[in-house]
């Protein structure tokens, strides 16, 4: 009955040191993750045929990559004190 689409963004903290933060941006369709941006890798990685296609397109667009890479600073590190309080 229909389709399920989900986008999940998360910050993973290994310690209070801001260098240990990782930003993950996952795209899920019908409960299967098909593409993910990982700040440690620094690019999109596809896990399905459609995901690989999207990852290649998004990785070739400098503006999209710059925006995703900036989320580590803007979203994760900016809010780190809230998560640790």
N, C-alpha and C. Protein backbone atom coordinates (compact mmCIF):
# COMPACT_ATOMS: atom_id res chain seq x y z
N UNK A 1 0.84 -1.19 0.00
CA UNK A 1 0.00 0.00 0.00
C UNK A 1 0.88 1.25 0.00
N UNK A 2 1.39 1.63 -1.11
CA UNK A 2 2.18 2.85 -1.20
C UNK A 2 3.66 2.59 -1.01
N UNK A 3 4.38 3.68 -0.86
CA UNK A 3 5.83 3.62 -0.74
C UNK A 3 6.26 4.33 0.53
N UNK A 4 7.41 3.94 1.03
CA UNK A 4 7.96 4.51 2.25
C UNK A 4 9.28 5.19 1.90
N UNK A 5 9.37 6.51 2.14
CA UNK A 5 10.61 7.25 1.92
C UNK A 5 11.00 7.91 3.22
N UNK A 6 12.27 7.86 3.54
CA UNK A 6 12.75 8.45 4.79
C UNK A 6 14.15 9.00 4.57
N UNK A 7 14.40 10.14 5.17
CA UNK A 7 15.75 10.71 5.18
C UNK A 7 16.13 10.89 6.64
N UNK A 8 17.26 10.33 7.02
CA UNK A 8 17.69 10.36 8.41
C UNK A 8 19.05 11.04 8.48
N UNK A 9 19.14 12.09 9.29
CA UNK A 9 20.43 12.74 9.54
C UNK A 9 20.77 12.53 11.00
N UNK A 10 22.03 12.25 11.25
CA UNK A 10 22.44 12.03 12.63
C UNK A 10 23.89 12.46 12.83
N UNK A 11 24.18 12.79 14.05
CA UNK A 11 25.54 13.10 14.47
C UNK A 11 25.98 12.00 15.41
N UNK A 12 27.10 11.41 15.13
CA UNK A 12 27.63 10.36 16.00
C UNK A 12 28.82 10.93 16.75
N UNK A 13 28.78 10.81 18.05
CA UNK A 13 29.81 11.35 18.92
C UNK A 13 30.56 10.19 19.56
N UNK A 14 31.87 10.17 19.41
CA UNK A 14 32.67 9.13 20.05
C UNK A 14 33.27 9.63 21.36
N UNK A 15 33.32 10.94 21.53
CA UNK A 15 33.83 11.54 22.77
C UNK A 15 33.42 13.01 22.79
N UNK A 16 33.75 13.70 23.85
CA UNK A 16 33.44 15.12 23.92
C UNK A 16 34.37 15.96 23.05
N UNK A 17 35.41 15.34 22.55
CA UNK A 17 36.32 16.01 21.63
C UNK A 17 35.59 16.25 20.31
N UNK A 18 35.52 17.48 19.85
CA UNK A 18 34.79 17.81 18.63
C UNK A 18 35.39 17.17 17.38
N UNK A 19 36.60 16.67 17.48
CA UNK A 19 37.22 16.00 16.33
C UNK A 19 36.63 14.61 16.11
N UNK A 20 35.96 14.06 17.13
CA UNK A 20 35.41 12.72 17.03
C UNK A 20 33.97 12.68 16.56
N UNK A 21 33.45 13.76 16.00
CA UNK A 21 32.06 13.81 15.56
C UNK A 21 31.97 13.39 14.09
N UNK A 22 30.93 12.64 13.79
CA UNK A 22 30.69 12.17 12.43
C UNK A 22 29.25 12.52 12.04
N UNK A 23 29.07 13.10 10.85
CA UNK A 23 27.75 13.44 10.34
C UNK A 23 27.34 12.40 9.30
N UNK A 24 26.14 11.84 9.47
CA UNK A 24 25.60 10.83 8.56
C UNK A 24 24.27 11.34 8.01
N UNK A 25 24.10 11.27 6.70
CA UNK A 25 22.85 11.66 6.03
C UNK A 25 22.43 10.48 5.16
N UNK A 26 21.40 9.75 5.61
CA UNK A 26 20.97 8.52 4.94
C UNK A 26 19.64 8.72 4.22
N UNK A 27 19.51 8.10 3.07
CA UNK A 27 18.28 8.12 2.28
C UNK A 27 17.75 6.69 2.19
N UNK A 28 16.49 6.51 2.58
CA UNK A 28 15.90 5.17 2.68
C UNK A 28 14.63 5.13 1.84
N UNK A 29 14.49 4.05 1.07
CA UNK A 29 13.26 3.83 0.30
C UNK A 29 12.79 2.42 0.56
N UNK A 30 11.55 2.29 1.00
CA UNK A 30 10.96 0.99 1.36
C UNK A 30 11.86 0.20 2.30
N UNK A 31 12.32 0.85 3.33
CA UNK A 31 13.12 0.30 4.42
C UNK A 31 14.50 -0.18 4.01
N UNK A 32 14.98 0.22 2.84
CA UNK A 32 16.33 -0.13 2.39
C UNK A 32 17.11 1.16 2.14
N UNK A 33 18.22 1.32 2.84
CA UNK A 33 19.06 2.49 2.62
C UNK A 33 19.70 2.37 1.24
N UNK A 34 19.54 3.42 0.43
CA UNK A 34 20.09 3.32 -0.93
C UNK A 34 21.24 4.27 -1.18
N UNK A 35 21.38 5.32 -0.38
CA UNK A 35 22.54 6.21 -0.52
C UNK A 35 22.79 6.88 0.82
N UNK A 36 24.08 7.16 1.08
CA UNK A 36 24.46 7.78 2.36
C UNK A 36 25.62 8.73 2.15
N UNK A 37 25.55 9.87 2.85
CA UNK A 37 26.70 10.76 2.94
C UNK A 37 27.30 10.56 4.32
N UNK A 38 28.60 10.37 4.36
CA UNK A 38 29.31 10.22 5.62
C UNK A 38 30.42 11.25 5.64
N UNK A 39 30.45 12.09 6.69
CA UNK A 39 31.45 13.17 6.74
C UNK A 39 32.87 12.63 6.84
N UNK A 40 33.04 11.44 7.39
CA UNK A 40 34.38 10.84 7.47
C UNK A 40 34.88 10.47 6.08
N UNK A 41 33.99 9.93 5.25
CA UNK A 41 34.35 9.58 3.88
C UNK A 41 34.40 10.84 3.02
N UNK A 42 33.48 11.79 3.28
CA UNK A 42 33.47 13.07 2.57
C UNK A 42 32.73 13.06 1.25
N UNK A 43 31.96 12.00 1.00
CA UNK A 43 31.19 11.92 -0.24
C UNK A 43 30.01 10.98 -0.04
N UNK A 44 29.13 10.94 -1.05
CA UNK A 44 28.00 10.04 -1.04
C UNK A 44 28.44 8.66 -1.51
N UNK A 45 27.85 7.63 -0.91
CA UNK A 45 28.10 6.25 -1.30
C UNK A 45 26.75 5.60 -1.57
N UNK A 46 26.62 4.96 -2.73
CA UNK A 46 25.38 4.29 -3.09
C UNK A 46 25.42 2.82 -2.73
N UNK A 47 24.26 2.28 -2.30
CA UNK A 47 24.18 0.88 -1.90
C UNK A 47 23.28 0.06 -2.83
N UNK A 48 22.57 0.72 -3.72
CA UNK A 48 21.74 0.04 -4.72
C UNK A 48 22.07 0.65 -6.07
N UNK A 49 21.50 0.10 -7.12
CA UNK A 49 21.74 0.66 -8.46
C UNK A 49 21.31 2.13 -8.52
N UNK A 50 20.13 2.41 -8.00
CA UNK A 50 19.62 3.79 -7.98
C UNK A 50 20.49 4.66 -7.06
N UNK A 51 20.94 4.11 -5.94
CA UNK A 51 21.79 4.84 -5.02
C UNK A 51 23.14 5.19 -5.62
N UNK A 52 23.72 4.27 -6.35
CA UNK A 52 25.01 4.52 -7.02
C UNK A 52 24.85 5.63 -8.05
N UNK A 53 23.75 5.58 -8.79
CA UNK A 53 23.46 6.63 -9.79
C UNK A 53 23.36 8.00 -9.11
N UNK A 54 22.59 8.08 -8.00
CA UNK A 54 22.45 9.35 -7.28
C UNK A 54 23.77 9.79 -6.69
N UNK A 55 24.50 8.87 -6.10
CA UNK A 55 25.78 9.21 -5.48
C UNK A 55 26.74 9.81 -6.50
N UNK A 56 26.82 9.22 -7.68
CA UNK A 56 27.70 9.76 -8.72
C UNK A 56 27.28 11.16 -9.14
N UNK A 57 25.98 11.36 -9.28
CA UNK A 57 25.48 12.69 -9.68
C UNK A 57 25.75 13.72 -8.59
N UNK A 58 25.46 13.37 -7.35
CA UNK A 58 25.63 14.32 -6.24
C UNK A 58 27.10 14.58 -5.96
N UNK A 59 27.95 13.57 -6.10
CA UNK A 59 29.39 13.77 -5.87
C UNK A 59 30.02 14.64 -6.94
N UNK A 60 29.42 14.70 -8.13
CA UNK A 60 29.97 15.55 -9.19
C UNK A 60 29.49 16.99 -9.09
N UNK A 61 28.59 17.28 -8.16
CA UNK A 61 28.06 18.63 -7.97
C UNK A 61 28.75 19.26 -6.76
N UNK A 62 29.65 20.18 -7.00
CA UNK A 62 30.44 20.79 -5.92
C UNK A 62 29.57 21.49 -4.88
N UNK A 63 28.47 22.10 -5.30
CA UNK A 63 27.59 22.81 -4.37
C UNK A 63 26.92 21.84 -3.39
N UNK A 64 26.47 20.71 -3.88
CA UNK A 64 25.83 19.72 -3.01
C UNK A 64 26.85 19.16 -2.02
N UNK A 65 28.04 18.83 -2.49
CA UNK A 65 29.07 18.31 -1.59
C UNK A 65 29.47 19.34 -0.55
N UNK A 66 29.61 20.59 -0.94
CA UNK A 66 29.98 21.64 0.01
C UNK A 66 28.91 21.79 1.09
N UNK A 67 27.66 21.72 0.68
CA UNK A 67 26.56 21.83 1.65
C UNK A 67 26.59 20.66 2.63
N UNK A 68 26.75 19.46 2.14
CA UNK A 68 26.78 18.29 3.03
C UNK A 68 27.99 18.34 3.96
N UNK A 69 29.14 18.70 3.44
CA UNK A 69 30.35 18.77 4.26
C UNK A 69 30.22 19.85 5.33
N UNK A 70 29.49 20.92 5.03
CA UNK A 70 29.28 22.00 5.99
C UNK A 70 28.35 21.63 7.13
N UNK A 71 27.55 20.59 6.94
CA UNK A 71 26.61 20.19 7.99
C UNK A 71 27.33 19.71 9.25
N UNK A 72 28.51 19.16 9.13
CA UNK A 72 29.27 18.73 10.30
C UNK A 72 29.51 19.92 11.22
N UNK A 73 29.93 21.04 10.66
CA UNK A 73 30.17 22.25 11.46
C UNK A 73 28.86 22.91 11.88
N UNK A 74 27.95 23.09 10.91
CA UNK A 74 26.73 23.85 11.15
C UNK A 74 25.77 23.13 12.09
N UNK A 75 25.61 21.84 11.90
CA UNK A 75 24.61 21.09 12.63
C UNK A 75 25.19 20.33 13.82
N UNK A 76 26.22 19.54 13.59
CA UNK A 76 26.75 18.68 14.65
C UNK A 76 27.57 19.44 15.68
N UNK A 77 28.61 20.11 15.23
CA UNK A 77 29.49 20.78 16.19
C UNK A 77 28.80 21.95 16.87
N UNK A 78 27.93 22.64 16.16
CA UNK A 78 27.20 23.77 16.74
C UNK A 78 26.31 23.31 17.89
N UNK A 79 25.70 22.14 17.76
CA UNK A 79 24.77 21.63 18.76
C UNK A 79 25.39 20.63 19.74
N UNK A 80 26.69 20.43 19.68
CA UNK A 80 27.36 19.42 20.52
C UNK A 80 27.12 19.69 22.00
N UNK A 81 27.16 20.92 22.43
CA UNK A 81 26.97 21.23 23.86
C UNK A 81 25.58 20.82 24.33
N UNK A 82 24.59 20.93 23.46
CA UNK A 82 23.22 20.52 23.81
C UNK A 82 23.17 19.01 24.00
N UNK A 83 23.81 18.28 23.12
CA UNK A 83 23.78 16.81 23.21
C UNK A 83 24.49 16.32 24.47
N UNK A 84 25.54 17.02 24.90
CA UNK A 84 26.30 16.58 26.06
C UNK A 84 25.71 17.09 27.37
N UNK A 85 24.74 18.00 27.32
CA UNK A 85 24.17 18.53 28.58
C UNK A 85 23.14 17.59 29.18
